[in-house]
N, C-alpha and C. Protein backbone atom coordinates (compact mmCIF):
# COMPACT_ATOMS: atom_id res chain seq x y z
N MET A 1 58.60 144.56 93.05
CA MET A 1 57.58 144.80 92.05
C MET A 1 58.22 145.18 90.71
N GLU A 2 59.31 145.90 90.76
CA GLU A 2 60.00 146.29 89.53
C GLU A 2 60.49 145.07 88.77
N CYS A 3 60.99 144.10 89.49
CA CYS A 3 61.46 142.85 88.87
C CYS A 3 60.29 142.11 88.19
N ALA A 4 59.15 142.10 88.84
CA ALA A 4 57.97 141.44 88.27
C ALA A 4 57.53 142.13 86.98
N LEU A 5 57.63 143.45 86.93
CA LEU A 5 57.28 144.18 85.71
C LEU A 5 58.26 143.87 84.58
N ASP A 6 59.55 143.74 84.92
CA ASP A 6 60.54 143.36 83.91
C ASP A 6 60.26 141.97 83.36
N VAL A 7 59.92 141.04 84.25
CA VAL A 7 59.59 139.67 83.82
C VAL A 7 58.35 139.69 82.93
N LEU A 8 57.35 140.48 83.31
CA LEU A 8 56.12 140.58 82.53
C LEU A 8 56.40 141.12 81.12
N THR A 9 57.25 142.13 81.03
CA THR A 9 57.62 142.70 79.73
C THR A 9 58.33 141.67 78.86
N ASN A 10 59.30 140.98 79.42
CA ASN A 10 60.03 139.96 78.67
C ASN A 10 59.14 138.79 78.28
N LEU A 11 58.21 138.44 79.14
CA LEU A 11 57.28 137.35 78.84
C LEU A 11 56.37 137.73 77.67
N GLY A 12 55.95 138.98 77.65
CA GLY A 12 55.11 139.46 76.55
C GLY A 12 55.86 139.47 75.23
N ASN A 13 57.15 139.78 75.27
CA ASN A 13 57.94 139.85 74.05
C ASN A 13 58.34 138.49 73.51
N SER A 14 58.79 137.61 74.39
CA SER A 14 59.34 136.33 73.92
C SER A 14 58.44 135.12 74.18
N GLY A 15 57.52 135.22 75.13
CA GLY A 15 56.64 134.09 75.44
C GLY A 15 57.22 133.12 76.44
N LYS A 16 58.49 133.32 76.82
CA LYS A 16 59.13 132.42 77.79
C LYS A 16 60.18 133.20 78.57
N VAL A 17 60.20 133.00 79.88
CA VAL A 17 61.17 133.66 80.75
C VAL A 17 61.72 132.63 81.71
N THR A 18 63.04 132.69 81.95
CA THR A 18 63.67 131.82 82.93
C THR A 18 64.22 132.67 84.06
N LEU A 19 63.74 132.41 85.28
CA LEU A 19 64.25 133.09 86.46
C LEU A 19 65.29 132.18 87.12
N LYS A 20 66.45 132.74 87.44
CA LYS A 20 67.48 131.98 88.13
C LYS A 20 67.87 132.73 89.39
N ALA A 21 68.07 131.98 90.48
CA ALA A 21 68.47 132.60 91.74
C ALA A 21 69.33 131.64 92.54
N LYS A 22 70.16 132.23 93.41
CA LYS A 22 71.03 131.45 94.30
C LYS A 22 70.83 131.91 95.74
N GLY A 23 70.97 130.96 96.65
CA GLY A 23 71.02 131.26 98.07
C GLY A 23 69.85 132.06 98.60
N ASP A 24 70.17 133.20 99.22
CA ASP A 24 69.15 134.03 99.88
C ASP A 24 68.18 134.69 98.92
N LEU A 25 68.47 134.69 97.62
CA LEU A 25 67.59 135.33 96.65
C LEU A 25 66.52 134.39 96.09
N ILE A 26 66.55 133.12 96.49
CA ILE A 26 65.56 132.16 96.03
C ILE A 26 64.13 132.56 96.40
N PRO A 27 63.85 132.99 97.64
CA PRO A 27 62.47 133.40 97.96
C PRO A 27 61.98 134.57 97.10
N THR A 28 62.88 135.45 96.70
CA THR A 28 62.49 136.57 95.84
C THR A 28 62.09 136.07 94.46
N ALA A 29 62.84 135.12 93.90
CA ALA A 29 62.50 134.56 92.59
C ALA A 29 61.16 133.83 92.64
N VAL A 30 60.90 133.11 93.70
CA VAL A 30 59.63 132.40 93.85
C VAL A 30 58.47 133.41 93.97
N ALA A 31 58.68 134.47 94.73
CA ALA A 31 57.65 135.49 94.89
C ALA A 31 57.36 136.18 93.55
N VAL A 32 58.39 136.50 92.79
CA VAL A 32 58.20 137.14 91.48
C VAL A 32 57.44 136.21 90.55
N ALA A 33 57.79 134.93 90.53
CA ALA A 33 57.07 133.97 89.69
C ALA A 33 55.60 133.89 90.08
N ASN A 34 55.31 133.89 91.36
CA ASN A 34 53.92 133.85 91.82
C ASN A 34 53.17 135.13 91.47
N ILE A 35 53.81 136.27 91.63
CA ILE A 35 53.16 137.55 91.31
C ILE A 35 52.80 137.59 89.83
N VAL A 36 53.74 137.18 88.98
CA VAL A 36 53.50 137.22 87.54
C VAL A 36 52.41 136.25 87.14
N THR A 37 52.48 135.01 87.60
CA THR A 37 51.52 133.99 87.13
C THR A 37 50.14 134.12 87.78
N GLU A 38 50.08 134.49 89.04
CA GLU A 38 48.80 134.52 89.76
C GLU A 38 48.12 135.89 89.72
N ASN A 39 48.88 136.98 89.77
CA ASN A 39 48.27 138.30 89.88
C ASN A 39 48.26 139.07 88.56
N MET A 40 49.40 139.13 87.90
CA MET A 40 49.49 139.98 86.71
C MET A 40 48.91 139.32 85.47
N MET A 41 49.23 138.07 85.24
CA MET A 41 48.77 137.38 84.02
C MET A 41 47.43 136.67 84.22
N LYS A 42 47.02 136.43 85.42
CA LYS A 42 45.72 135.85 85.78
C LYS A 42 45.30 134.68 84.87
N GLY A 43 46.13 133.65 84.85
CA GLY A 43 45.80 132.45 84.10
C GLY A 43 46.32 132.42 82.67
N ASN A 44 46.96 133.49 82.22
CA ASN A 44 47.50 133.53 80.86
C ASN A 44 48.97 133.13 80.81
N SER A 45 49.50 132.70 81.94
CA SER A 45 50.88 132.21 81.98
C SER A 45 50.92 130.98 82.88
N LYS A 46 52.01 130.24 82.75
CA LYS A 46 52.13 128.99 83.49
C LYS A 46 53.58 128.76 83.87
N ILE A 47 53.79 128.22 85.05
CA ILE A 47 55.14 127.80 85.44
C ILE A 47 55.37 126.45 84.79
N ARG A 48 56.24 126.43 83.79
CA ARG A 48 56.48 125.23 82.99
C ARG A 48 57.35 124.22 83.74
N ASP A 49 58.39 124.72 84.43
CA ASP A 49 59.33 123.81 85.09
C ASP A 49 60.03 124.54 86.22
N ILE A 50 60.40 123.78 87.24
CA ILE A 50 61.21 124.28 88.35
C ILE A 50 62.33 123.29 88.57
N VAL A 51 63.56 123.79 88.55
CA VAL A 51 64.74 122.95 88.77
C VAL A 51 65.45 123.46 90.01
N VAL A 52 65.59 122.59 91.01
CA VAL A 52 66.29 122.93 92.24
C VAL A 52 67.60 122.16 92.26
N ASP A 53 68.69 122.85 92.58
CA ASP A 53 70.00 122.23 92.54
C ASP A 53 70.89 122.91 93.57
N SER A 54 72.14 122.52 93.60
CA SER A 54 73.13 123.20 94.43
C SER A 54 74.46 123.19 93.70
N GLU A 55 75.30 124.14 94.07
CA GLU A 55 76.63 124.21 93.48
C GLU A 55 77.63 124.59 94.56
N SER A 56 78.87 124.29 94.31
CA SER A 56 79.92 124.61 95.27
C SER A 56 80.24 126.10 95.20
N GLY A 57 80.46 126.67 96.35
CA GLY A 57 80.83 128.07 96.41
C GLY A 57 81.75 128.31 97.58
N LEU A 58 82.38 129.45 97.56
CA LEU A 58 83.27 129.81 98.67
C LEU A 58 82.48 130.61 99.70
N GLY A 59 82.54 130.17 100.92
CA GLY A 59 81.87 130.85 102.01
C GLY A 59 82.84 131.26 103.08
N ARG A 60 82.31 131.70 104.16
CA ARG A 60 83.12 132.15 105.29
C ARG A 60 84.00 131.05 105.84
N TYR A 61 83.51 129.82 105.76
CA TYR A 61 84.22 128.68 106.36
C TYR A 61 84.82 127.75 105.31
N GLY A 62 85.11 128.25 104.14
CA GLY A 62 85.68 127.42 103.08
C GLY A 62 84.65 127.10 102.01
N ILE A 63 84.78 125.95 101.40
CA ILE A 63 83.87 125.54 100.33
C ILE A 63 82.56 125.06 100.93
N THR A 64 81.46 125.63 100.45
CA THR A 64 80.13 125.26 100.92
C THR A 64 79.22 125.00 99.72
N LEU A 65 78.08 124.41 99.97
CA LEU A 65 77.08 124.22 98.93
C LEU A 65 76.12 125.40 98.95
N VAL A 66 75.83 125.93 97.77
CA VAL A 66 74.89 127.04 97.63
C VAL A 66 73.69 126.53 96.84
N SER A 67 72.49 126.69 97.39
CA SER A 67 71.27 126.26 96.70
C SER A 67 70.99 127.16 95.51
N THR A 68 70.45 126.56 94.44
CA THR A 68 70.07 127.31 93.25
C THR A 68 68.67 126.88 92.81
N ILE A 69 67.99 127.77 92.09
CA ILE A 69 66.68 127.44 91.53
C ILE A 69 66.56 128.07 90.15
N LYS A 70 65.87 127.37 89.26
CA LYS A 70 65.57 127.89 87.93
C LYS A 70 64.07 127.68 87.72
N ILE A 71 63.35 128.77 87.47
CA ILE A 71 61.91 128.72 87.26
C ILE A 71 61.63 129.17 85.83
N ILE A 72 60.97 128.32 85.05
CA ILE A 72 60.66 128.66 83.67
C ILE A 72 59.15 128.98 83.58
N ILE A 73 58.86 130.20 83.11
CA ILE A 73 57.48 130.68 82.97
C ILE A 73 57.19 130.84 81.49
N THR A 74 56.05 130.33 81.05
CA THR A 74 55.65 130.48 79.65
C THR A 74 54.28 131.16 79.57
N LYS A 75 54.07 131.83 78.47
CA LYS A 75 52.80 132.47 78.19
C LYS A 75 51.88 131.44 77.54
N THR A 76 50.64 131.35 77.97
CA THR A 76 49.75 130.32 77.45
C THR A 76 48.92 130.80 76.27
N ASN A 77 48.80 132.08 76.07
CA ASN A 77 48.00 132.60 74.93
C ASN A 77 48.88 133.18 73.87
């Protein structure tokens, strides 16, 4: 919830926020985006774009692919 409040504050100040997450933190970024757009802003914000990708990273077994997501939220008013 604290993260959602930070996003809400930044969205109010700049009108646009980009959430970025990797690996196991992707569900948290998606949940924060949903909380902000559906509950807190109630139609006054919009998810402008979602970019899903992967990058190479070092894991327990050598080089692995790590999923990434970028969610761009904009204020509509």
